[in-house]
Amino acid sequence: MSKYDNITAVLSKGSLWSSQNEQARLPVLAILEPFTYITSNPGKEIRGKLIEAFNLWLNVPPDKLKVISKVVNMLHAASLMVDDIEDDSQLRRGKPVAHRIYGIPQTINTANYVYFLAYQELFALRDTESGTPPRKALDALVTEELLSLHRGQGLEILWRDSLQCPSEEEYITMVNNKTGGLLRIGIKLMMACSTTNIDVDYVPLVNLIGVFFQIRDDLMNLQSTEYTSNKGFAEDLSEGKFSFPVVHGIHANKSNRQILNVLQKRPTTPTLKIHTINYLRTETKSFDYTLSVLTNLEGQTRAEIARLGGNRGLEAIMDFLHVDESKL
């Protein structure tokens, strides 16, 4: 008798997928290998440090905090894999991006798979050793912020591909969605599971940190030698990205379309990049302007930390992220 004579009996046995499949090398490639690759080379771990710092205020039970940290790490890594594909990046933290090694189809599949694994982890927060149920629907909370993240990312891609420069206000709103969304997931999950300061809203502080972090990242991408070794020289220009200094430079002299023309060409060699950086530095003073904005945002962030009672962990993070103009 053919095994297909009663296919229902075969299908009723359920999935043959096991935990061993998750880690073992499959015939072609382990499904999680791109994720394992990108997480084996961690960055500055700012998100993890933020979770530790906010926990000085929120005192989330250790078992729940472990799950929250895992979820944030998974969502962050998945978003990086997709982001690198969308930006056609070459390097991430000084190594080839995941899709250059594993290919675009496998990397997309892995990133999507990790998104769903993260949701699976959320269920653990409902039944943990502490026994205290969360105060909010966690899946709805995460979904809301992932929608924000993708709206922000979508806007950034739209501006890039249509060569449409946003205003500074539009840029800040986009950043609050894209960068802020992932940061808010972790802190909102912590707020939902906290044992102290349960009525305090920490989201405005997280939003400040997110905008500060992204504008700082934009400046470093065009000015920092460390970023050159980790991501390549002025990679944002190769991606055609409307970063904060670029947005300022374009609006500072709308009659000069040099920057727009360079972004349109997505330069990969140094010549046009060096020219654009010099233009931003000397003609539009965009780096000086960006530094002044960062100084303003840092002051507001530190003031908000103090207003909420002070937090040595967050103050240490701000010290670490402080931009020393003399070292640029």
C-alpha atoms as a PDB file:
ATOM      1  CA  MET A   1       0.000   0.000   0.000  1.00  0.00           C
ATOM      2  CA  SER A   2       1.274   3.415  -0.906  1.00  0.00           C
ATOM      3  CA  LYS A   3       1.875   5.815   1.955  1.00  0.00           C
ATOM      4  CA  TYR A   4      -0.351   8.227   0.053  1.00  0.00           C
ATOM      5  CA  ASP A   5      -3.373   5.927   0.185  1.00  0.00           C
ATOM      6  CA  ASN A   6      -4.263   7.369   3.574  1.00  0.00           C
ATOM      7  CA  ILE A   7      -2.579  10.749   3.703  1.00  0.00           C
ATOM      8  CA  THR A   8      -4.905  11.910   6.492  1.00  0.00           C
ATOM      9  CA  ALA A   9      -3.275   9.434   8.881  1.00  0.00           C
ATOM     10  CA  VAL A  10       0.133  10.861   8.075  1.00  0.00           C
ATOM     11  CA  LEU A  11      -0.972  14.472   8.503  1.00  0.00           C
ATOM     12  CA  SER A  12      -2.739  13.727  11.790  1.00  0.00           C
ATOM     13  CA  LYS A  13       0.599  12.915  13.413  1.00  0.00           C
ATOM     14  CA  GLY A  14       1.302  16.619  13.685  1.00  0.00           C
ATOM     15  CA  SER A  15       4.439  18.586  12.968  1.00  0.00           C
ATOM     16  CA  LEU A  16       7.738  16.768  12.746  1.00  0.00           C
ATOM     17  CA  TRP A  17       9.528  19.983  13.695  1.00  0.00           C
ATOM     18  CA  SER A  18      11.514  19.613  16.913  1.00  0.00           C
ATOM     19  CA  SER A  19      13.767  21.723  19.085  1.00  0.00           C
ATOM     20  CA  GLN A  20      16.709  19.926  17.487  1.00  0.00           C
ATOM     21  CA  ASN A  21      15.721  21.365  14.097  1.00  0.00           C
ATOM     22  CA  GLU A  22      15.966  24.842  15.581  1.00  0.00           C
ATOM     23  CA  GLN A  23      19.664  24.518  16.362  1.00  0.00           C
ATOM     24  CA  ALA A  24      20.950  21.757  14.097  1.00  0.00           C
ATOM     25  CA  ARG A  25      22.233  22.386  10.588  1.00  0.00           C
ATOM     26  CA  LEU A  26      19.488  21.566   8.122  1.00  0.00           C
ATOM     27  CA  PRO A  27      20.300  20.066   4.711  1.00  0.00           C
ATOM     28  CA  VAL A  28      21.039  23.480   3.227  1.00  0.00           C
ATOM     29  CA  LEU A  29      21.191  25.964   6.101  1.00  0.00           C
ATOM     30  CA  ALA A  30      19.957  26.181   9.673  1.00  0.00           C
ATOM     31  CA  ILE A  31      16.886  28.371   9.747  1.00  0.00           C
ATOM     32  CA  LEU A  32      18.250  30.506  12.570  1.00  0.00           C
ATOM     33  CA  GLU A  33      21.830  30.753  11.371  1.00  0.00           C
ATOM     34  CA  PRO A  34      21.595  34.358  10.080  1.00  0.00           C
ATOM     35  CA  PHE A  35      20.142  35.355  13.471  1.00  0.00           C
ATOM     36  CA  THR A  36      22.878  33.462  15.306  1.00  0.00           C
ATOM     37  CA  TYR A  37      25.457  35.158  13.097  1.00  0.00           C
ATOM     38  CA  ILE A  38      24.286  38.713  13.743  1.00  0.00           C
ATOM     39  CA  THR A  39      23.816  38.219  17.489  1.00  0.00           C
ATOM     40  CA  SER A  40      27.259  36.625  17.872  1.00  0.00           C
ATOM     41  CA  ASN A  41      28.785  40.015  17.112  1.00  0.00           C
ATOM     42  CA  PRO A  42      27.049  42.371  19.584  1.00  0.00           C
ATOM     43  CA  GLY A  43      27.243  46.144  19.372  1.00  0.00           C
ATOM     44  CA  LYS A  44      27.325  48.579  22.267  1.00  0.00           C
ATOM     45  CA  GLU A  45      24.306  46.838  23.863  1.00  0.00           C
ATOM     46  CA  ILE A  46      22.643  50.197  24.553  1.00  0.00           C
ATOM     47  CA  ARG A  47      19.177  48.625  24.631  1.00  0.00           C
ATOM     48  CA  GLY A  48      20.242  46.081  27.223  1.00  0.00           C
ATOM     49  CA  LYS A  49      21.854  48.790  29.315  1.00  0.00           C
ATOM     50  CA  LEU A  50      18.682  50.870  29.086  1.00  0.00           C
ATOM     51  CA  ILE A  51      16.635  47.943  30.375  1.00  0.00           C
ATOM     52  CA  GLU A  52      19.020  47.506  33.309  1.00  0.00           C
ATOM     53  CA  ALA A  53      18.929  51.215  34.073  1.00  0.00           C
ATOM     54  CA  PHE A  54      15.145  51.583  33.929  1.00  0.00           C
ATOM     55  CA  ASN A  55      14.839  48.565  36.192  1.00  0.00           C
ATOM     56  CA  LEU A  56      16.395  50.637  38.977  1.00  0.00           C
ATOM     57  CA  TRP A  57      13.064  52.448  38.943  1.00  0.00           C
ATOM     58  CA  LEU A  58      10.674  49.664  37.919  1.00  0.00           C
ATOM     59  CA  ASN A  59      11.960  46.568  39.766  1.00  0.00           C
ATOM     60  CA  VAL A  60      10.584  44.029  37.295  1.00  0.00           C
ATOM     61  CA  PRO A  61      10.749  40.462  38.669  1.00  0.00           C
ATOM     62  CA  PRO A  62      13.923  38.744  37.397  1.00  0.00           C
ATOM     63  CA  ASP A  63      12.120  36.017  35.451  1.00  0.00           C
ATOM     64  CA  LYS A  64      10.033  38.576  33.579  1.00  0.00           C
ATOM     65  CA  LEU A  65      12.980  40.885  33.005  1.00  0.00           C
ATOM     66  CA  LYS A  66      14.886  38.006  31.407  1.00  0.00           C
ATOM     67  CA  VAL A  67      12.031  37.402  28.963  1.00  0.00           C
ATOM     68  CA  ILE A  68      11.704  41.108  28.150  1.00  0.00           C
ATOM     69  CA  SER A  69      15.427  41.377  27.425  1.00  0.00           C
ATOM     70  CA  LYS A  70      15.231  38.325  25.184  1.00  0.00           C
ATOM     71  CA  VAL A  71      12.234  39.685  23.265  1.00  0.00           C
ATOM     72  CA  VAL A  72      13.895  43.072  22.710  1.00  0.00           C
ATOM     73  CA  ASN A  73      17.108  41.416  21.545  1.00  0.00           C
ATOM     74  CA  MET A  74      15.218  39.206  19.093  1.00  0.00           C
ATOM     75  CA  LEU A  75      13.162  42.053  17.657  1.00  0.00           C
ATOM     76  CA  HIS A  76      16.228  44.269  17.368  1.00  0.00           C
ATOM     77  CA  ALA A  77      18.289  41.614  15.572  1.00  0.00           C
ATOM     78  CA  ALA A  78      15.408  40.802  13.206  1.00  0.00           C
ATOM     79  CA  SER A  79      14.922  44.473  12.371  1.00  0.00           C
ATOM     80  CA  LEU A  80      18.661  44.879  11.678  1.00  0.00           C
ATOM     81  CA  MET A  81      18.644  42.001   9.196  1.00  0.00           C
ATOM     82  CA  VAL A  82      15.731  43.525   7.309  1.00  0.00           C
ATOM     83  CA  ASP A  83      17.151  47.052   7.574  1.00  0.00           C
ATOM     84  CA  ASP A  84      20.472  45.947   6.061  1.00  0.00           C
ATOM     85  CA  ILE A  85      18.650  44.431   3.101  1.00  0.00           C
ATOM     86  CA  GLU A  86      16.520  47.532   2.565  1.00  0.00           C
ATOM     87  CA  ASP A  87      19.614  49.756   2.705  1.00  0.00           C
ATOM     88  CA  ASP A  88      21.785  47.406   0.614  1.00  0.00           C
ATOM     89  CA  SER A  89      24.392  47.624   3.375  1.00  0.00           C
ATOM     90  CA  GLN A  90      27.768  45.936   3.246  1.00  0.00           C
ATOM     91  CA  LEU A  91      28.941  45.951   6.868  1.00  0.00           C
ATOM     92  CA  ARG A  92      27.352  45.635  10.281  1.00  0.00           C
ATOM     93  CA  ARG A  93      29.633  46.100  13.295  1.00  0.00           C
ATOM     94  CA  GLY A  94      32.698  45.628  11.159  1.00  0.00           C
ATOM     95  CA  LYS A  95      31.582  42.336   9.581  1.00  0.00           C
ATOM     96  CA  PRO A  96      29.656  41.509   6.403  1.00  0.00           C
ATOM     97  CA  VAL A  97      25.912  41.878   6.861  1.00  0.00           C
ATOM     98  CA  ALA A  98      23.919  38.668   7.206  1.00  0.00           C
ATOM     99  CA  HIS A  99      22.360  38.685   3.722  1.00  0.00           C
ATOM    100  CA  ARG A 100      25.777  38.984   2.060  1.00  0.00           C
ATOM    101  CA  ILE A 101      26.644  35.609   3.555  1.00  0.00           C
ATOM    102  CA  TYR A 102      23.300  33.805   3.694  1.00  0.00           C
ATOM    103  CA  GLY A 103      21.448  35.473   0.840  1.00  0.00           C
ATOM    104  CA  ILE A 104      18.415  37.744   0.826  1.00  0.00           C
ATOM    105  CA  PRO A 105      15.680  35.045   0.789  1.00  0.00           C
ATOM    106  CA  GLN A 106      17.080  33.118   3.769  1.00  0.00           C
ATOM    107  CA  THR A 107      17.784  36.287   5.753  1.00  0.00           C
ATOM    108  CA  ILE A 108      14.258  37.644   5.191  1.00  0.00           C
ATOM    109  CA  ASN A 109      12.764  34.322   6.213  1.00  0.00           C
ATOM    110  CA  THR A 110      14.928  34.165   9.335  1.00  0.00           C
ATOM    111  CA  ALA A 111      14.075  37.752  10.318  1.00  0.00           C
ATOM    112  CA  ASN A 112      10.342  37.074   9.953  1.00  0.00           C
ATOM    113  CA  TYR A 113      10.689  33.813  11.849  1.00  0.00           C
ATOM    114  CA  VAL A 114      12.442  35.594  14.719  1.00  0.00           C
ATOM    115  CA  TYR A 115       9.644  38.186  14.870  1.00  0.00           C
ATOM    116  CA  PHE A 116       7.156  35.378  15.485  1.00  0.00           C
ATOM    117  CA  LEU A 117       9.449  33.631  17.951  1.00  0.00           C
ATOM    118  CA  ALA A 118       9.546  36.882  19.913  1.00  0.00           C
ATOM    119  CA  TYR A 119       5.753  36.881  20.097  1.00  0.00           C
ATOM    120  CA  GLN A 120       5.901  33.304  21.324  1.00  0.00           C
ATOM    121  CA  GLU A 121       8.207  34.458  24.111  1.00  0.00           C
ATOM    122  CA  LEU A 122       5.639  37.046  25.203  1.00  0.00           C
ATOM    123  CA  PHE A 123       3.351  34.272  26.379  1.00  0.00           C
ATOM    124  CA  ALA A 124       5.959  33.412  29.013  1.00  0.00           C
ATOM    125  CA  LEU A 125       5.296  36.760  30.673  1.00  0.00           C
ATOM    126  CA  ARG A 126       1.746  35.687  31.413  1.00  0.00           C
ATOM    127  CA  ASP A 127       2.806  32.652  33.395  1.00  0.00           C
ATOM    128  CA  THR A 128       6.043  33.322  35.257  1.00  0.00           C
ATOM    129  CA  GLU A 129       7.434  32.417  38.647  1.00  0.00           C
ATOM    130  CA  SER A 130       6.414  35.748  40.151  1.00  0.00           C
ATOM    131  CA  GLY A 131       2.773  34.948  39.483  1.00  0.00           C
ATOM    132  CA  THR A 132       1.781  38.604  38.960  1.00  0.00           C
ATOM    133  CA  PRO A 133      -0.056  39.073  35.653  1.00  0.00           C
ATOM    134  CA  PRO A 134       0.925  42.040  33.437  1.00  0.00           C
ATOM    135  CA  ARG A 135      -1.288  45.110  33.656  1.00  0.00           C
ATOM    136  CA  LYS A 136      -1.687  45.407  29.869  1.00  0.00           C
ATOM    137  CA  ALA A 137      -2.153  43.154  26.857  1.00  0.00           C
ATOM    138  CA  LEU A 138       1.471  42.637  25.913  1.00  0.00           C
ATOM    139  CA  ASP A 139       0.929  41.420  22.378  1.00  0.00           C
ATOM    140  CA  ALA A 140      -1.146  44.521  21.599  1.00  0.00           C
ATOM    141  CA  LEU A 141       1.559  46.708  23.117  1.00  0.00           C
ATOM    142  CA  VAL A 142       4.299  45.150  20.994  1.00  0.00           C
ATOM    143  CA  THR A 143       2.145  45.183  17.853  1.00  0.00           C
ATOM    144  CA  GLU A 144       1.460  48.902  18.256  1.00  0.00           C
ATOM    145  CA  GLU A 145       5.155  49.733  18.463  1.00  0.00           C
ATOM    146  CA  LEU A 146       6.157  47.408  15.624  1.00  0.00           C
ATOM    147  CA  LEU A 147       3.598  49.195  13.468  1.00  0.00           C
ATOM    148  CA  SER A 148       5.218  52.492  14.463  1.00  0.00           C
ATOM    149  CA  LEU A 149       8.651  51.112  13.629  1.00  0.00           C
ATOM    150  CA  HIS A 150       7.571  50.007  10.162  1.00  0.00           C
ATOM    151  CA  ARG A 151       5.755  53.286   9.487  1.00  0.00           C
ATOM    152  CA  GLY A 152       8.947  55.163  10.301  1.00  0.00           C
ATOM    153  CA  GLN A 153      11.095  52.840   8.228  1.00  0.00           C
ATOM    154  CA  GLY A 154       8.622  53.051   5.368  1.00  0.00           C
ATOM    155  CA  LEU A 155       8.721  56.850   5.381  1.00  0.00           C
ATOM    156  CA  GLU A 156      12.513  56.862   5.360  1.00  0.00           C
ATOM    157  CA  ILE A 157      12.556  54.501   2.369  1.00  0.00           C
ATOM    158  CA  LEU A 158       9.907  56.591   0.567  1.00  0.00           C
ATOM    159  CA  TRP A 159      11.928  59.794   1.019  1.00  0.00           C
ATOM    160  CA  ARG A 160      15.083  58.058  -0.172  1.00  0.00           C
ATOM    161  CA  ASP A 161      13.582  56.402  -3.241  1.00  0.00           C
ATOM    162  CA  SER A 162      11.616  59.489  -4.337  1.00  0.00           C
ATOM    163  CA  LEU A 163      14.516  61.844  -3.528  1.00  0.00           C
ATOM    164  CA  GLN A 164      12.147  63.873  -1.361  1.00  0.00           C
ATOM    165  CA  CYS A 165      13.886  65.672   1.492  1.00  0.00           C
ATOM    166  CA  PRO A 166      11.778  65.880   4.675  1.00  0.00           C
ATOM    167  CA  SER A 167      11.647  68.859   6.986  1.00  0.00           C
ATOM    168  CA  GLU A 168      13.476  68.566  10.301  1.00  0.00           C
ATOM    169  CA  GLU A 169      10.134  68.145  12.072  1.00  0.00           C
ATOM    170  CA  GLU A 170       9.107  65.357   9.694  1.00  0.00           C
ATOM    171  CA  TYR A 171      12.479  63.725  10.246  1.00  0.00           C
ATOM    172  CA  ILE A 172      12.105  63.849  14.049  1.00  0.00           C
ATOM    173  CA  THR A 173       8.621  62.326  13.824  1.00  0.00           C
ATOM    174  CA  MET A 174       9.963  59.525  11.613  1.00  0.00           C
ATOM    175  CA  VAL A 175      12.794  58.829  14.064  1.00  0.00           C
ATOM    176  CA  ASN A 176      10.390  58.744  16.997  1.00  0.00           C
ATOM    177  CA  ASN A 177       8.477  56.036  15.154  1.00  0.00           C
ATOM    178  CA  LYS A 178      11.425  54.025  13.818  1.00  0.00           C
ATOM    179  CA  THR A 179      14.133  54.230  16.491  1.00  0.00           C
ATOM    180  CA  GLY A 180      11.769  55.088  19.333  1.00  0.00           C
ATOM    181  CA  GLY A 181       9.436  52.184  18.561  1.00  0.00           C
ATOM    182  CA  LEU A 182      11.948  49.496  19.437  1.00  0.00           C
ATOM    183  CA  LEU A 183      13.140  51.326  22.552  1.00  0.00           C
ATOM    184  CA  ARG A 184       9.562  51.822  23.752  1.00  0.00           C
ATOM    185  CA  ILE A 185       8.784  48.118  23.410  1.00  0.00           C
ATOM    186  CA  GLY A 186      11.268  47.198  26.112  1.00  0.00           C
ATOM    187  CA  ILE A 187      10.332  49.963  28.536  1.00  0.00           C
ATOM    188  CA  LYS A 188       6.574  49.569  27.992  1.00  0.00           C
ATOM    189  CA  LEU A 189       6.863  45.831  28.691  1.00  0.00           C
ATOM    190  CA  MET A 190       8.779  46.678  31.851  1.00  0.00           C
ATOM    191  CA  MET A 191       6.153  49.242  32.884  1.00  0.00           C
ATOM    192  CA  ALA A 192       3.444  46.599  32.394  1.00  0.00           C
ATOM    193  CA  CYS A 193       5.322  44.139  34.635  1.00  0.00           C
ATOM    194  CA  SER A 194       6.841  46.527  37.191  1.00  0.00           C
ATOM    195  CA  THR A 195       6.474  46.267  40.955  1.00  0.00           C
ATOM    196  CA  THR A 196       7.356  49.892  41.782  1.00  0.00           C
ATOM    197  CA  ASN A 197       6.559  53.309  40.258  1.00  0.00           C
ATOM    198  CA  ILE A 198       3.653  51.678  38.438  1.00  0.00           C
ATOM    199  CA  ASP A 199       1.906  55.017  37.824  1.00  0.00           C
ATOM    200  CA  VAL A 200       4.939  56.828  36.376  1.00  0.00           C
ATOM    201  CA  ASP A 201       5.019  57.358  32.592  1.00  0.00           C
ATOM    202  CA  TYR A 202       8.580  56.875  31.348  1.00  0.00           C
ATOM    203  CA  VAL A 203       7.676  57.035  27.642  1.00  0.00           C
ATOM    204  CA  PRO A 204       8.530  60.763  27.165  1.00  0.00           C
ATOM    205  CA  LEU A 205      12.027  60.067  28.488  1.00  0.00           C
ATOM    206  CA  VAL A 206      12.413  57.071  26.180  1.00  0.00           C
ATOM    207  CA  ASN A 207      11.321  59.231  23.240  1.00  0.00           C
ATOM    208  CA  LEU A 208      13.978  61.818  24.105  1.00  0.00           C
ATOM    209  CA  ILE A 209      16.654  59.134  24.313  1.00  0.00           C
ATOM    210  CA  GLY A 210      15.556  57.631  20.991  1.00  0.00           C
ATOM    211  CA  VAL A 211      15.736  60.906  19.067  1.00  0.00           C
ATOM    212  CA  PHE A 212      19.059  61.823  20.686  1.00  0.00           C
ATOM    213  CA  PHE A 213      20.488  58.387  19.881  1.00  0.00           C
ATOM    214  CA  GLN A 214      19.483  58.497  16.196  1.00  0.00           C
ATOM    215  CA  ILE A 215      20.727  62.030  15.531  1.00  0.00           C
ATOM    216  CA  ARG A 216      23.986  61.118  17.254  1.00  0.00           C
ATOM    217  CA  ASP A 217      24.212  58.023  15.047  1.00  0.00           C
ATOM    218  CA  ASP A 218      23.642  60.166  11.955  1.00  0.00           C
ATOM    219  CA  LEU A 219      26.471  62.498  12.936  1.00  0.00           C
ATOM    220  CA  MET A 220      28.854  59.664  13.769  1.00  0.00           C
ATOM    221  CA  ASN A 221      28.164  57.977  10.443  1.00  0.00           C
ATOM    222  CA  LEU A 222      29.593  60.972   8.605  1.00  0.00           C
ATOM    223  CA  GLN A 223      32.243  62.029  11.112  1.00  0.00           C
ATOM    224  CA  SER A 224      33.504  59.113  13.196  1.00  0.00           C
ATOM    225  CA  THR A 225      36.456  56.904  12.236  1.00  0.00           C
ATOM    226  CA  GLU A 226      34.994  54.165  14.456  1.00  0.00           C
ATOM    227  CA  TYR A 227      31.841  54.116  12.335  1.00  0.00           C
ATOM    228  CA  THR A 228      33.957  53.947   9.202  1.00  0.00           C
ATOM    229  CA  SER A 229      35.562  50.708  10.384  1.00  0.00           C
ATOM    230  CA  ASN A 230      32.224  49.262  11.550  1.00  0.00           C
ATOM    231  CA  LYS A 231      29.911  50.255   8.693  1.00  0.00           C
ATOM    232  CA  GLY A 232      32.115  51.701   5.978  1.00  0.00           C
ATOM    233  CA  PHE A 233      33.007  55.288   5.138  1.00  0.00           C
ATOM    234  CA  ALA A 234      29.952  57.617   5.228  1.00  0.00           C
ATOM    235  CA  GLU A 235      27.664  54.687   4.465  1.00  0.00           C
ATOM    236  CA  ASP A 236      24.536  56.830   4.863  1.00  0.00           C
ATOM    237  CA  LEU A 237      25.512  58.691   1.682  1.00  0.00           C
ATOM    238  CA  SER A 238      25.907  55.397  -0.201  1.00  0.00           C
ATOM    239  CA  GLU A 239      22.423  54.438   0.968  1.00  0.00           C
ATOM    240  CA  GLY A 240      20.988  57.770  -0.214  1.00  0.00           C
ATOM    241  CA  LYS A 241      19.753  58.400   3.310  1.00  0.00           C
ATOM    242  CA  PHE A 242      18.282  61.702   4.430  1.00  0.00           C
ATOM    243  CA  SER A 243      20.084  61.759   7.771  1.00  0.00           C
ATOM    244  CA  PHE A 244      19.824  64.740  10.124  1.00  0.00           C
ATOM    245  CA  PRO A 245      22.945  66.647   8.945  1.00  0.00           C
ATOM    246  CA  VAL A 246      21.944  66.019   5.336  1.00  0.00           C
ATOM    247  CA  VAL A 247      18.411  67.318   5.918  1.00  0.00           C
ATOM    248  CA  HIS A 248      19.835  70.481   7.480  1.00  0.00           C
ATOM    249  CA  GLY A 249      22.356  70.927   4.669  1.00  0.00           C
ATOM    250  CA  ILE A 250      19.719  70.656   1.960  1.00  0.00           C
ATOM    251  CA  HIS A 251      17.369  73.146   3.612  1.00  0.00           C
ATOM    252  CA  ALA A 252      20.198  75.524   4.519  1.00  0.00           C
ATOM    253  CA  ASN A 253      20.688  76.335   0.825  1.00  0.00           C
ATOM    254  CA  LYS A 254      17.786  75.145  -1.298  1.00  0.00           C
ATOM    255  CA  SER A 255      19.227  76.781  -4.425  1.00  0.00           C
ATOM    256  CA  ASN A 256      22.180  74.372  -4.319  1.00  0.00           C
ATOM    257  CA  ARG A 257      21.233  70.810  -5.305  1.00  0.00           C
ATOM    258  CA  GLN A 258      24.667  69.247  -4.852  1.00  0.00           C
ATOM    259  CA  ILE A 259      23.655  67.054  -1.925  1.00  0.00           C
ATOM    260  CA  LEU A 260      20.482  65.817  -3.640  1.00  0.00           C
ATOM    261  CA  ASN A 261      22.441  64.901  -6.742  1.00  0.00           C
ATOM    262  CA  VAL A 262      25.036  63.020  -4.707  1.00  0.00           C
ATOM    263  CA  LEU A 263      22.324  61.088  -2.835  1.00  0.00           C
ATOM    264  CA  GLN A 264      20.698  60.197  -6.128  1.00  0.00           C
ATOM    265  CA  LYS A 265      23.951  58.622  -7.322  1.00  0.00           C
ATOM    266  CA  ARG A 266      24.418  56.500  -4.145  1.00  0.00           C
ATOM    267  CA  PRO A 267      28.230  56.922  -4.252  1.00  0.00           C
ATOM    268  CA  THR A 268      30.358  53.960  -3.223  1.00  0.00           C
ATOM    269  CA  THR A 269      33.784  55.552  -3.763  1.00  0.00           C
ATOM    270  CA  PRO A 270      35.265  58.260  -1.492  1.00  0.00           C
ATOM    271  CA  THR A 271      35.412  61.197  -3.921  1.00  0.00           C
ATOM    272  CA  LEU A 272      31.776  62.346  -3.833  1.00  0.00           C
ATOM    273  CA  LYS A 273      31.432  61.426  -0.167  1.00  0.00           C
ATOM    274  CA  ILE A 274      34.424  63.545   0.860  1.00  0.00           C
ATOM    275  CA  HIS A 275      33.106  66.435  -1.227  1.00  0.00           C
ATOM    276  CA  THR A 276      29.664  66.222   0.411  1.00  0.00           C
ATOM    277  CA  ILE A 277      31.102  65.984   3.932  1.00  0.00           C
ATOM    278  CA  ASN A 278      33.281  69.032   3.301  1.00  0.00           C
ATOM    279  CA  TYR A 279      30.260  70.904   1.947  1.00  0.00           C
ATOM    280  CA  LEU A 280      28.227  70.035   5.050  1.00  0.00           C
ATOM    281  CA  ARG A 281      31.096  71.032   7.299  1.00  0.00           C
ATOM    282  CA  THR A 282      32.185  74.307   5.727  1.00  0.00           C
ATOM    283  CA  GLU A 283      29.331  75.633   3.585  1.00  0.00           C
ATOM    284  CA  THR A 284      26.157  74.849   5.524  1.00  0.00           C
ATOM    285  CA  LYS A 285      27.773  74.272   8.947  1.00  0.00           C
ATOM    286  CA  SER A 286      25.482  71.259   9.297  1.00  0.00           C
ATOM    287  CA  PHE A 287      27.786  69.382  11.661  1.00  0.00           C
ATOM    288  CA  ASP A 288      27.990  72.379  13.994  1.00  0.00           C
ATOM    289  CA  TYR A 289      24.217  72.658  13.868  1.00  0.00           C
ATOM    290  CA  THR A 290      23.770  68.954  14.587  1.00  0.00           C
ATOM    291  CA  LEU A 291      26.124  69.211  17.561  1.00  0.00           C
ATOM    292  CA  SER A 292      24.104  72.113  18.943  1.00  0.00           C
ATOM    293  CA  VAL A 293      20.891  70.088  18.619  1.00  0.00           C
ATOM    294  CA  LEU A 294      22.522  67.124  20.364  1.00  0.00           C
ATOM    295  CA  THR A 295      23.693  69.374  23.204  1.00  0.00           C
ATOM    296  CA  ASN A 296      20.142  70.681  23.585  1.00  0.00           C
ATOM    297  CA  LEU A 297      18.612  67.185  23.549  1.00  0.00           C
ATOM    298  CA  GLU A 298      21.200  65.855  25.988  1.00  0.00           C
ATOM    299  CA  GLY A 299      20.368  68.664  28.398  1.00  0.00           C
ATOM    300  CA  GLN A 300      16.636  67.939  28.131  1.00  0.00           C
ATOM    301  CA  THR A 301      17.225  64.218  28.646  1.00  0.00           C
ATOM    302  CA  ARG A 302      19.391  64.719  31.728  1.00  0.00           C
ATOM    303  CA  ALA A 303      16.825  67.165  33.140  1.00  0.00           C
ATOM    304  CA  GLU A 304      14.049  64.611  32.669  1.00  0.00           C
ATOM    305  CA  ILE A 305      16.131  61.905  34.355  1.00  0.00           C
ATOM    306  CA  ALA A 306      16.659  64.236  37.311  1.00  0.00           C
ATOM    307  CA  ARG A 307      12.956  65.165  37.436  1.00  0.00           C
ATOM    308  CA  LEU A 308      12.048  61.485  37.667  1.00  0.00           C
ATOM    309  CA  GLY A 309      14.317  61.074  40.689  1.00  0.00           C
ATOM    310  CA  GLY A 310      17.738  60.470  39.174  1.00  0.00           C
ATOM    311  CA  ASN A 311      19.132  57.239  37.773  1.00  0.00           C
ATOM    312  CA  ARG A 312      22.829  56.414  37.867  1.00  0.00           C
ATOM    313  CA  GLY A 313      22.445  53.833  35.091  1.00  0.00           C
ATOM    314  CA  LEU A 314      20.836  56.274  32.663  1.00  0.00           C
ATOM    315  CA  GLU A 315      23.300  58.992  33.602  1.00  0.00           C
ATOM    316  CA  ALA A 316      26.152  56.589  32.783  1.00  0.00           C
ATOM    317  CA  ILE A 317      24.565  55.856  29.389  1.00  0.00           C
ATOM    318  CA  MET A 318      24.302  59.573  28.642  1.00  0.00           C
ATOM    319  CA  ASP A 319      27.934  60.016  29.668  1.00  0.00           C
ATOM    320  CA  PHE A 320      28.881  57.251  27.245  1.00  0.00           C
ATOM    321  CA  LEU A 321      26.809  58.757  24.407  1.00  0.00           C
ATOM    322  CA  HIS A 322      28.037  62.298  24.986  1.00  0.00           C
ATOM    323  CA  VAL A 323      29.625  63.650  21.804  1.00  0.00           C
ATOM    324  CA  ASP A 324      33.065  65.165  22.347  1.00  0.00           C
ATOM    325  CA  GLU A 325      33.532  67.637  19.513  1.00  0.00           C
ATOM    326  CA  SER A 326      37.322  67.536  19.876  1.00  0.00           C
ATOM    327  CA  LYS A 327      37.351  63.814  19.010  1.00  0.00           C
ATOM    328  CA  LEU A 328      35.415  64.098  15.776  1.00  0.00           C
END
